Amino acid sequence: MPGQVNAQEKLREWAVAELRQDLNKGISVDDFVSGLLSFPSETDIVTEAVHTVSQTIDSRHFAEEFIRRRKLADKGIVDNTHTHSVAPNATVEGKSGGWSEVAKKNPASVAKEEPNNFKVVAAKKKSGKR
């Protein structure tokens, strides 16, 4: 199917673009992406693989996005949105600031996507010295 081949190639191009600047020295981005494509679509496997070759990529976020895009590509669908999987505390030139940048652009959408799962609990009582 020509559409599916194009979708698979677009997935490969996206993954190479996401990883190119952030892999440890000596790692071939093309070889690494080929390896990722041969792995099963399991978040933990992709997360660990990415984590072993980069300290600046948010490996969990990349893995989730990679698998989401891979499932679409398997159906012949191309996702043209751009993401950057930079670790939250990393300062890499040319990369966005992550969630803080998203919040600046559209604070209402962040609140909708991230439900408040916190609950208020009573303060822990301090025990007296004995």
Protein backbone atom coordinates (compact mmCIF):
# COMPACT_ATOMS: atom_id res chain seq x y z
CA MET A 1 0.00 0.00 0.00
CA PRO A 2 1.61 3.30 -1.06
CA GLY A 3 -0.06 5.30 1.75
CA GLN A 4 1.25 2.93 4.38
CA VAL A 5 4.80 3.04 3.01
CA ASN A 6 4.65 6.85 3.08
CA ALA A 7 3.32 6.81 6.66
CA GLN A 8 6.11 4.45 7.77
CA GLU A 9 8.72 6.68 6.12
CA LYS A 10 7.23 9.79 7.75
CA LEU A 11 7.39 8.01 11.13
CA ARG A 12 11.07 7.22 10.50
CA GLU A 13 11.76 10.84 9.46
CA TRP A 14 10.00 12.17 12.58
CA ALA A 15 11.93 9.84 14.90
CA VAL A 16 15.27 10.72 13.27
CA ALA A 17 14.50 14.45 13.57
CA GLU A 18 13.50 14.06 17.24
CA LEU A 19 16.58 12.07 18.17
CA ARG A 20 19.31 13.45 15.89
CA GLN A 21 20.70 16.17 18.18
CA ASP A 22 20.22 14.35 21.47
CA LEU A 23 21.86 10.95 21.08
CA ASN A 24 25.14 10.20 22.83
CA LYS A 25 28.25 10.50 20.68
CA GLY A 26 29.00 7.49 18.52
CA ILE A 27 25.34 6.44 18.16
CA SER A 28 24.01 6.38 14.59
CA VAL A 29 20.53 7.90 14.64
CA ASP A 30 19.46 5.98 11.51
CA ASP A 31 20.60 2.65 12.97
CA PHE A 32 18.98 3.42 16.31
CA VAL A 33 15.62 4.33 14.72
CA SER A 34 15.77 1.14 12.63
CA GLY A 35 16.25 -0.75 15.88
CA LEU A 36 13.30 1.02 17.49
CA LEU A 37 11.10 0.06 14.56
CA SER A 38 12.06 -3.60 15.04
CA PHE A 39 11.05 -3.56 18.74
CA PRO A 40 7.54 -4.44 19.87
CA SER A 41 5.22 -1.48 20.48
CA GLU A 42 5.71 -1.47 24.24
CA THR A 43 6.32 1.80 26.06
CA ASP A 44 8.75 0.32 28.60
CA ILE A 45 10.99 -1.22 25.93
CA VAL A 46 11.19 1.95 23.84
CA THR A 47 11.66 4.10 26.97
CA GLU A 48 14.60 2.00 28.16
CA ALA A 49 16.18 1.94 24.70
CA VAL A 50 16.01 5.74 24.38
CA HIS A 51 17.15 6.25 27.97
CA THR A 52 20.32 4.23 27.32
CA VAL A 53 21.39 6.43 24.40
CA SER A 54 20.46 9.93 25.63
CA GLN A 55 20.37 11.89 28.87
CA THR A 56 18.58 14.92 27.39
CA ILE A 57 15.47 13.29 25.95
CA ASP A 58 12.36 12.69 28.02
CA SER A 59 12.44 9.00 27.11
CA ARG A 60 8.97 8.18 28.47
CA HIS A 61 7.34 11.00 26.51
CA PHE A 62 9.25 10.07 23.35
CA ALA A 63 8.25 6.39 23.73
CA GLU A 64 4.57 7.24 24.15
CA GLU A 65 4.62 9.57 21.15
CA PHE A 66 6.63 7.09 19.06
CA ILE A 67 4.18 4.27 19.76
CA ARG A 68 1.17 6.50 19.12
CA ARG A 69 2.61 7.58 15.77
CA ARG A 70 3.66 4.01 14.96
CA LYS A 71 0.09 2.76 15.43
CA LEU A 72 -1.15 5.50 13.11
CA ALA A 73 1.56 4.70 10.56
CA ASP A 74 0.56 1.02 10.63
CA LYS A 75 -2.89 2.21 9.51
CA GLY A 76 -1.35 4.41 6.79
CA ILE A 77 -2.03 7.66 8.67
CA VAL A 78 0.64 10.37 8.90
CA ASP A 79 0.72 12.65 11.95
CA ASN A 80 2.34 15.94 10.92
CA THR A 81 2.41 17.56 14.35
CA HIS A 82 5.85 18.35 15.73
CA THR A 83 6.99 17.50 19.23
CA HIS A 84 10.26 17.74 21.09
CA SER A 85 11.13 15.11 23.67
CA VAL A 86 13.65 17.12 25.65
CA ALA A 87 13.93 16.20 29.31
CA PRO A 88 12.13 18.71 31.57
CA ASN A 89 15.33 19.90 33.28
CA ALA A 90 17.57 19.84 30.21
CA THR A 91 18.74 23.06 28.65
CA VAL A 92 19.42 22.32 25.02
CA GLU A 93 19.73 25.20 22.58
CA GLY A 94 17.02 25.34 19.96
CA LYS A 95 14.57 23.23 21.92
CA SER A 96 11.38 24.49 23.51
CA GLY A 97 10.93 24.80 27.24
CA GLY A 98 8.46 21.89 27.40
CA TRP A 99 5.23 22.22 29.34
CA SER A 100 5.98 25.78 30.42
CA GLU A 101 5.98 26.81 26.76
CA VAL A 102 2.68 25.02 26.18
CA ALA A 103 1.16 26.75 29.19
CA LYS A 104 2.27 30.16 27.93
CA LYS A 105 0.66 29.57 24.55
CA ASN A 106 -2.63 28.18 25.80
CA PRO A 107 -3.04 27.91 29.59
CA ALA A 108 -6.64 26.69 29.34
CA SER A 109 -5.65 23.61 27.31
CA VAL A 110 -3.08 22.53 29.89
CA ALA A 111 -5.69 22.62 32.63
CA LYS A 112 -8.02 20.48 30.52
CA GLU A 113 -5.35 17.90 29.66
CA GLU A 114 -3.93 17.58 33.18
CA PRO A 115 -6.75 16.89 35.62
CA ASN A 116 -6.11 17.72 39.25
CA ASN A 117 -5.59 14.33 40.89
CA PHE A 118 -4.40 15.73 44.21
CA LYS A 119 -6.33 15.56 47.44
CA VAL A 120 -5.89 17.53 50.62
CA VAL A 121 -4.86 15.47 53.62
CA ALA A 122 -4.49 16.39 57.29
CA ALA A 123 -1.03 17.41 58.44
CA LYS A 124 1.04 14.68 60.02
CA LYS A 125 1.07 15.06 63.80
CA LYS A 126 4.53 15.49 65.25
CA SER A 127 5.46 13.17 68.05
CA GLY A 128 6.94 14.68 71.18
CA LYS A 129 10.50 13.96 72.19
CA ARG A 130 10.77 11.17 74.69
